[in-house]
Amino acid sequence: QVKLVESGGGLVQPGGSLRRSCAAPGFTLDYYHIGWFRQAPGKEREGVSCISRYGIWPNYLTSVKGRFTISRDNGKNMVYLQMTDLKPEDTAIYYCAADRNPTWIICPIIPEKGRYGHWGQGTQVTVSS
């Protein structure tokens, strides 16, 4: 079972930035598609972004395009989500997820396109003044 560990959450003011990190101690993330998801209070979980195991064709939720950037550093076995121009509506628990599905060319961020098999525990991101 792949254990995913997120870091980089916290409290930030509107317009600020945070960088989320996802690690998998003991596993090589090179072989995994990685997704970032979030769940706000009273709302369903939604996909924010993902990056394929090939490191190309990242996918983004429309509302974060141009503000969030996903990247991976296989040398450090890490995946990052750089979040800029944060808004109060970005407040949520953010989760890192991983899957090795060989049929995915473009990684999915909606369940209809595919589901991830491994999940982190999630960390809070709060955007507030």
C-alpha atoms as a PDB file:
ATOM      1  CA  GLN A   1       0.000   0.000   0.000  1.00  0.00           C
ATOM      2  CA  VAL A   2       1.432   3.350  -1.032  1.00  0.00           C
ATOM      3  CA  LYS A   3       1.479   5.824   1.822  1.00  0.00           C
ATOM      4  CA  LEU A   4       1.222   9.420   0.635  1.00  0.00           C
ATOM      5  CA  VAL A   5       2.326  12.269   2.850  1.00  0.00           C
ATOM      6  CA  GLU A   6       1.256  15.832   2.162  1.00  0.00           C
ATOM      7  CA  SER A   7       2.874  18.958   3.540  1.00  0.00           C
ATOM      8  CA  GLY A   8       2.748  22.696   2.995  1.00  0.00           C
ATOM      9  CA  GLY A   9      -0.737  23.513   4.184  1.00  0.00           C
ATOM     10  CA  GLY A  10      -1.657  26.341   6.498  1.00  0.00           C
ATOM     11  CA  LEU A  11      -3.222  29.767   6.782  1.00  0.00           C
ATOM     12  CA  VAL A  12      -2.621  32.398   4.120  1.00  0.00           C
ATOM     13  CA  GLN A  13      -4.169  35.750   3.276  1.00  0.00           C
ATOM     14  CA  PRO A  14      -6.129  36.282   0.076  1.00  0.00           C
ATOM     15  CA  GLY A  15      -3.750  36.861  -2.789  1.00  0.00           C
ATOM     16  CA  GLY A  16      -1.033  34.879  -1.078  1.00  0.00           C
ATOM     17  CA  SER A  17       0.757  31.717  -2.141  1.00  0.00           C
ATOM     18  CA  LEU A  18       1.444  28.242  -0.799  1.00  0.00           C
ATOM     19  CA  ARG A  19       3.310  25.255  -2.135  1.00  0.00           C
ATOM     20  CA  ARG A  20       1.913  21.829  -1.359  1.00  0.00           C
ATOM     21  CA  SER A  21       4.166  18.800  -1.468  1.00  0.00           C
ATOM     22  CA  CYS A  22       3.341  15.135  -1.838  1.00  0.00           C
ATOM     23  CA  ALA A  23       5.817  12.409  -0.945  1.00  0.00           C
ATOM     24  CA  ALA A  24       5.647   8.608  -0.818  1.00  0.00           C
ATOM     25  CA  PRO A  25       8.356   7.285   1.483  1.00  0.00           C
ATOM     26  CA  GLY A  26       9.535   3.891   0.310  1.00  0.00           C
ATOM     27  CA  PHE A  27       7.816   4.092  -3.105  1.00  0.00           C
ATOM     28  CA  THR A  28       8.962   5.513  -6.412  1.00  0.00           C
ATOM     29  CA  LEU A  29       6.456   8.091  -7.576  1.00  0.00           C
ATOM     30  CA  ASP A  30       7.867   7.971 -11.125  1.00  0.00           C
ATOM     31  CA  TYR A  31       5.421   5.185 -11.943  1.00  0.00           C
ATOM     32  CA  TYR A  32       2.359   6.963 -10.620  1.00  0.00           C
ATOM     33  CA  HIS A  33      -0.085   9.506 -11.901  1.00  0.00           C
ATOM     34  CA  ILE A  34      -0.552  12.050  -9.106  1.00  0.00           C
ATOM     35  CA  GLY A  35      -3.669  14.063  -8.429  1.00  0.00           C
ATOM     36  CA  TRP A  36      -4.555  16.830  -5.994  1.00  0.00           C
ATOM     37  CA  PHE A  37      -8.093  16.969  -4.682  1.00  0.00           C
ATOM     38  CA  ARG A  38      -9.838  19.175  -2.151  1.00  0.00           C
ATOM     39  CA  GLN A  39     -12.948  19.115  -0.025  1.00  0.00           C
ATOM     40  CA  ALA A  40     -14.478  22.198   1.529  1.00  0.00           C
ATOM     41  CA  PRO A  41     -16.951  21.991   4.423  1.00  0.00           C
ATOM     42  CA  GLY A  42     -20.371  20.948   3.201  1.00  0.00           C
ATOM     43  CA  LYS A  43     -19.146  20.304  -0.336  1.00  0.00           C
ATOM     44  CA  GLU A  44     -18.195  17.259  -2.326  1.00  0.00           C
ATOM     45  CA  ARG A  45     -14.581  16.466  -2.991  1.00  0.00           C
ATOM     46  CA  GLU A  46     -13.349  17.899  -6.278  1.00  0.00           C
ATOM     47  CA  GLY A  47     -10.291  17.340  -8.398  1.00  0.00           C
ATOM     48  CA  VAL A  48      -7.935  20.317  -8.508  1.00  0.00           C
ATOM     49  CA  SER A  49      -5.073  19.149 -10.679  1.00  0.00           C
ATOM     50  CA  CYS A  50      -3.129  16.108 -11.766  1.00  0.00           C
ATOM     51  CA  ILE A  51       0.057  15.208 -13.563  1.00  0.00           C
ATOM     52  CA  SER A  52       0.564  11.992 -15.474  1.00  0.00           C
ATOM     53  CA  ARG A  53       3.291   9.459 -14.784  1.00  0.00           C
ATOM     54  CA  TYR A  54       4.856  10.745 -17.997  1.00  0.00           C
ATOM     55  CA  GLY A  55       5.074  14.283 -16.579  1.00  0.00           C
ATOM     56  CA  ILE A  56       3.128  15.805 -19.438  1.00  0.00           C
ATOM     57  CA  TRP A  57      -0.394  17.067 -20.119  1.00  0.00           C
ATOM     58  CA  PRO A  58      -1.252  18.330 -16.622  1.00  0.00           C
ATOM     59  CA  ASN A  59      -4.919  18.737 -15.948  1.00  0.00           C
ATOM     60  CA  TYR A  60      -6.543  21.566 -13.962  1.00  0.00           C
ATOM     61  CA  LEU A  61      -9.889  22.494 -12.498  1.00  0.00           C
ATOM     62  CA  THR A  62     -11.138  25.495 -14.459  1.00  0.00           C
ATOM     63  CA  SER A  63     -11.281  27.763 -11.419  1.00  0.00           C
ATOM     64  CA  VAL A  64      -7.578  27.259 -10.618  1.00  0.00           C
ATOM     65  CA  LYS A  65      -6.143  27.490 -14.134  1.00  0.00           C
ATOM     66  CA  GLY A  66      -3.535  30.201 -14.302  1.00  0.00           C
ATOM     67  CA  ARG A  67      -3.187  30.253 -10.504  1.00  0.00           C
ATOM     68  CA  PHE A  68      -2.094  26.708  -9.618  1.00  0.00           C
ATOM     69  CA  THR A  69       0.798  24.788 -11.151  1.00  0.00           C
ATOM     70  CA  ILE A  70       1.485  21.100 -10.650  1.00  0.00           C
ATOM     71  CA  SER A  71       4.954  19.677 -11.156  1.00  0.00           C
ATOM     72  CA  ARG A  72       6.991  16.642 -10.284  1.00  0.00           C
ATOM     73  CA  ASP A  73      10.629  16.157  -9.375  1.00  0.00           C
ATOM     74  CA  ASN A  74      11.389  12.485  -9.896  1.00  0.00           C
ATOM     75  CA  GLY A  75      14.906  12.959  -8.574  1.00  0.00           C
ATOM     76  CA  LYS A  76      13.475  14.005  -5.215  1.00  0.00           C
ATOM     77  CA  ASN A  77      10.485  11.672  -5.499  1.00  0.00           C
ATOM     78  CA  MET A  78       8.134  14.574  -4.913  1.00  0.00           C
ATOM     79  CA  VAL A  79       5.109  16.166  -6.547  1.00  0.00           C
ATOM     80  CA  TYR A  80       4.254  19.799  -5.913  1.00  0.00           C
ATOM     81  CA  LEU A  81       1.220  22.012  -6.237  1.00  0.00           C
ATOM     82  CA  GLN A  82       2.182  25.675  -6.350  1.00  0.00           C
ATOM     83  CA  MET A  83      -0.848  27.758  -5.460  1.00  0.00           C
ATOM     84  CA  THR A  84      -0.816  31.506  -6.124  1.00  0.00           C
ATOM     85  CA  ASP A  85      -3.383  34.306  -5.928  1.00  0.00           C
ATOM     86  CA  LEU A  86      -5.272  32.263  -3.379  1.00  0.00           C
ATOM     87  CA  LYS A  87      -8.904  33.087  -2.760  1.00  0.00           C
ATOM     88  CA  PRO A  88     -11.167  32.347   0.219  1.00  0.00           C
ATOM     89  CA  GLU A  89     -13.012  29.816  -1.947  1.00  0.00           C
ATOM     90  CA  ASP A  90      -9.792  27.798  -2.152  1.00  0.00           C
ATOM     91  CA  THR A  91     -10.170  26.995   1.544  1.00  0.00           C
ATOM     92  CA  ALA A  92     -10.422  23.229   1.928  1.00  0.00           C
ATOM     93  CA  ILE A  93      -8.667  20.077   3.002  1.00  0.00           C
ATOM     94  CA  TYR A  94      -6.289  19.161   0.198  1.00  0.00           C
ATOM     95  CA  TYR A  95      -5.441  15.558  -0.593  1.00  0.00           C
ATOM     96  CA  CYS A  96      -2.737  13.982  -2.680  1.00  0.00           C
ATOM     97  CA  ALA A  97      -3.685  10.832  -4.612  1.00  0.00           C
ATOM     98  CA  ALA A  98      -1.783   8.350  -6.751  1.00  0.00           C
ATOM     99  CA  ASP A  99      -2.478   5.561  -9.221  1.00  0.00           C
ATOM    100  CA  ARG A 100      -0.436   3.503 -11.700  1.00  0.00           C
ATOM    101  CA  ASN A 101      -3.273   2.916 -14.167  1.00  0.00           C
ATOM    102  CA  PRO A 102      -1.473   2.143 -17.461  1.00  0.00           C
ATOM    103  CA  THR A 103      -4.497   3.084 -19.567  1.00  0.00           C
ATOM    104  CA  TRP A 104      -4.443   6.732 -18.528  1.00  0.00           C
ATOM    105  CA  ILE A 105      -2.697   8.958 -21.036  1.00  0.00           C
ATOM    106  CA  ILE A 106      -4.161  12.138 -19.610  1.00  0.00           C
ATOM    107  CA  CYS A 107      -4.625  11.848 -15.854  1.00  0.00           C
ATOM    108  CA  PRO A 108      -8.185  12.324 -14.605  1.00  0.00           C
ATOM    109  CA  ILE A 109      -9.550  14.793 -12.043  1.00  0.00           C
ATOM    110  CA  ILE A 110     -13.171  13.688 -12.266  1.00  0.00           C
ATOM    111  CA  PRO A 111     -14.383  10.239 -11.158  1.00  0.00           C
ATOM    112  CA  GLU A 112     -16.039   9.561 -14.511  1.00  0.00           C
ATOM    113  CA  LYS A 113     -12.618   9.572 -16.141  1.00  0.00           C
ATOM    114  CA  GLY A 114     -10.903   7.448 -13.493  1.00  0.00           C
ATOM    115  CA  ARG A 115     -10.363   6.953  -9.813  1.00  0.00           C
ATOM    116  CA  TYR A 116      -7.163   6.953  -7.783  1.00  0.00           C
ATOM    117  CA  GLY A 117      -6.324   4.007  -5.601  1.00  0.00           C
ATOM    118  CA  HIS A 118      -4.016   5.603  -3.044  1.00  0.00           C
ATOM    119  CA  TRP A 119      -4.749   8.666  -0.927  1.00  0.00           C
ATOM    120  CA  GLY A 120      -2.997  10.819   1.617  1.00  0.00           C
ATOM    121  CA  GLN A 121      -4.651  11.942   4.825  1.00  0.00           C
ATOM    122  CA  GLY A 122      -5.097  15.520   3.707  1.00  0.00           C
ATOM    123  CA  THR A 123      -4.026  18.823   5.183  1.00  0.00           C
ATOM    124  CA  GLN A 124      -5.931  22.035   5.686  1.00  0.00           C
ATOM    125  CA  VAL A 125      -5.469  25.129   3.566  1.00  0.00           C
ATOM    126  CA  THR A 126      -7.258  28.214   4.877  1.00  0.00           C
ATOM    127  CA  VAL A 127      -7.388  31.462   2.916  1.00  0.00           C
ATOM    128  CA  SER A 128      -8.563  34.255   5.150  1.00  0.00           C
ATOM    129  CA  SER A 129      -7.709  37.797   6.157  1.00  0.00           C
END
